[in-house]
Amino acid sequence: MLDSPPSTSHLQVSERPWEPVLAAGAADAASAIWLDEVLALAAEFIGVIILGVLGGVIYLFNHFVFKSRAPRRDDMHDAGEKGKKNNP
């Protein structure tokens, strides 16, 4: 049996140092693009949620400030009696 030397057609990893660097660089770029898209989508969802919250705050402000100042029937009735008492 003849002992043949190992095949030299395939280079060892130590002889091809650029392949892990290329793979890592491509993975980092893809991860950065994916993360950027996820963050952009999250920012849009957060904007829609904040818009709803601010709309609710404005509605409550309107309800508590302006609707509470609307005249009631008792106020109108009391104003009529005060006018009669002042005019003999």
Protein backbone atom coordinates (compact mmCIF):
# COMPACT_ATOMS: atom_id res chain seq x y z
CA MET A 1 0.00 0.00 0.00
CA LEU A 2 1.23 3.36 -0.94
CA ASP A 3 0.97 6.21 1.47
CA SER A 4 -0.22 9.20 -0.50
CA PRO A 5 0.16 12.72 0.82
CA PRO A 6 -3.04 14.59 1.76
CA SER A 7 -4.82 16.34 -1.04
CA THR A 8 -3.69 19.90 -1.54
CA SER A 9 -6.65 20.97 -3.63
CA HIS A 10 -8.47 22.25 -0.53
CA LEU A 11 -6.68 24.94 1.39
CA GLN A 12 -6.75 24.84 5.15
CA VAL A 13 -8.60 27.50 7.12
CA SER A 14 -5.31 28.95 8.26
CA GLU A 15 -4.36 29.41 4.60
CA ARG A 16 -7.68 31.21 3.79
CA PRO A 17 -8.01 33.89 6.47
CA TRP A 18 -10.30 36.08 4.37
CA GLU A 19 -13.29 33.70 4.38
CA PRO A 20 -14.25 34.06 8.06
CA VAL A 21 -13.77 37.79 7.76
CA LEU A 22 -16.03 37.94 4.71
CA ALA A 23 -18.68 35.80 6.39
CA ALA A 24 -18.61 37.87 9.57
CA GLY A 25 -18.74 41.13 7.62
CA ALA A 26 -21.72 40.01 5.57
CA ALA A 27 -23.53 38.80 8.66
CA ASP A 28 -22.90 42.06 10.48
CA ALA A 29 -24.18 44.12 7.56
CA ALA A 30 -27.32 41.98 7.25
CA SER A 31 -27.89 42.20 11.01
CA ALA A 32 -27.46 45.97 10.96
CA ILE A 33 -29.95 46.38 8.11
CA TRP A 34 -32.43 44.03 9.81
CA LEU A 35 -32.08 45.87 13.12
CA ASP A 36 -32.54 49.21 11.37
CA GLU A 37 -35.79 48.02 9.79
CA VAL A 38 -37.08 46.65 13.08
CA LEU A 39 -36.30 49.92 14.85
CA ALA A 40 -38.02 51.94 12.11
CA LEU A 41 -41.13 49.78 12.40
CA ALA A 42 -41.09 50.11 16.19
CA ALA A 43 -40.80 53.89 15.88
CA GLU A 44 -43.87 53.97 13.65
CA PHE A 45 -45.88 51.85 16.09
CA ILE A 46 -44.77 54.01 19.01
CA GLY A 47 -45.83 57.11 17.08
CA VAL A 48 -49.31 55.70 16.49
CA ILE A 49 -49.65 54.71 20.14
CA ILE A 50 -48.50 58.14 21.33
CA LEU A 51 -50.94 59.80 18.93
CA GLY A 52 -53.80 57.87 20.53
CA VAL A 53 -52.62 58.70 24.05
CA LEU A 54 -52.31 62.40 23.26
CA GLY A 55 -55.76 62.38 21.67
CA GLY A 56 -57.13 60.89 24.89
CA VAL A 57 -55.38 63.54 26.97
CA ILE A 58 -56.85 66.31 24.83
CA TYR A 59 -60.31 64.74 25.06
CA LEU A 60 -60.09 64.52 28.86
CA PHE A 61 -58.81 68.10 29.03
CA ASN A 62 -61.78 69.21 26.93
CA HIS A 63 -64.19 67.23 29.09
CA PHE A 64 -62.96 68.41 32.47
CA VAL A 65 -62.23 72.04 31.60
CA PHE A 66 -64.88 73.10 29.11
CA LYS A 67 -67.82 70.78 29.74
CA SER A 68 -67.73 71.50 33.46
CA ARG A 69 -68.11 75.23 32.72
CA ALA A 70 -71.25 74.78 30.64
CA PRO A 71 -74.31 76.33 32.31
CA ARG A 72 -76.70 73.92 34.00
CA ARG A 73 -80.45 74.29 34.48
CA ASP A 74 -80.02 75.11 38.15
CA ASP A 75 -77.66 77.94 37.23
CA MET A 76 -80.16 79.38 34.78
CA HIS A 77 -82.98 79.10 37.35
CA ASP A 78 -80.89 80.77 40.08
CA ALA A 79 -79.91 83.61 37.73
CA GLY A 80 -83.59 84.30 36.99
CA GLU A 81 -84.47 84.52 40.69
CA LYS A 82 -81.55 86.83 41.43
CA GLY A 83 -82.71 89.16 38.70
CA LYS A 84 -86.22 89.30 40.19
CA LYS A 85 -84.93 90.03 43.68
CA ASN A 86 -82.83 92.95 42.53
CA ASN A 87 -85.65 94.55 40.53
CA PRO A 88 -88.61 95.52 42.82
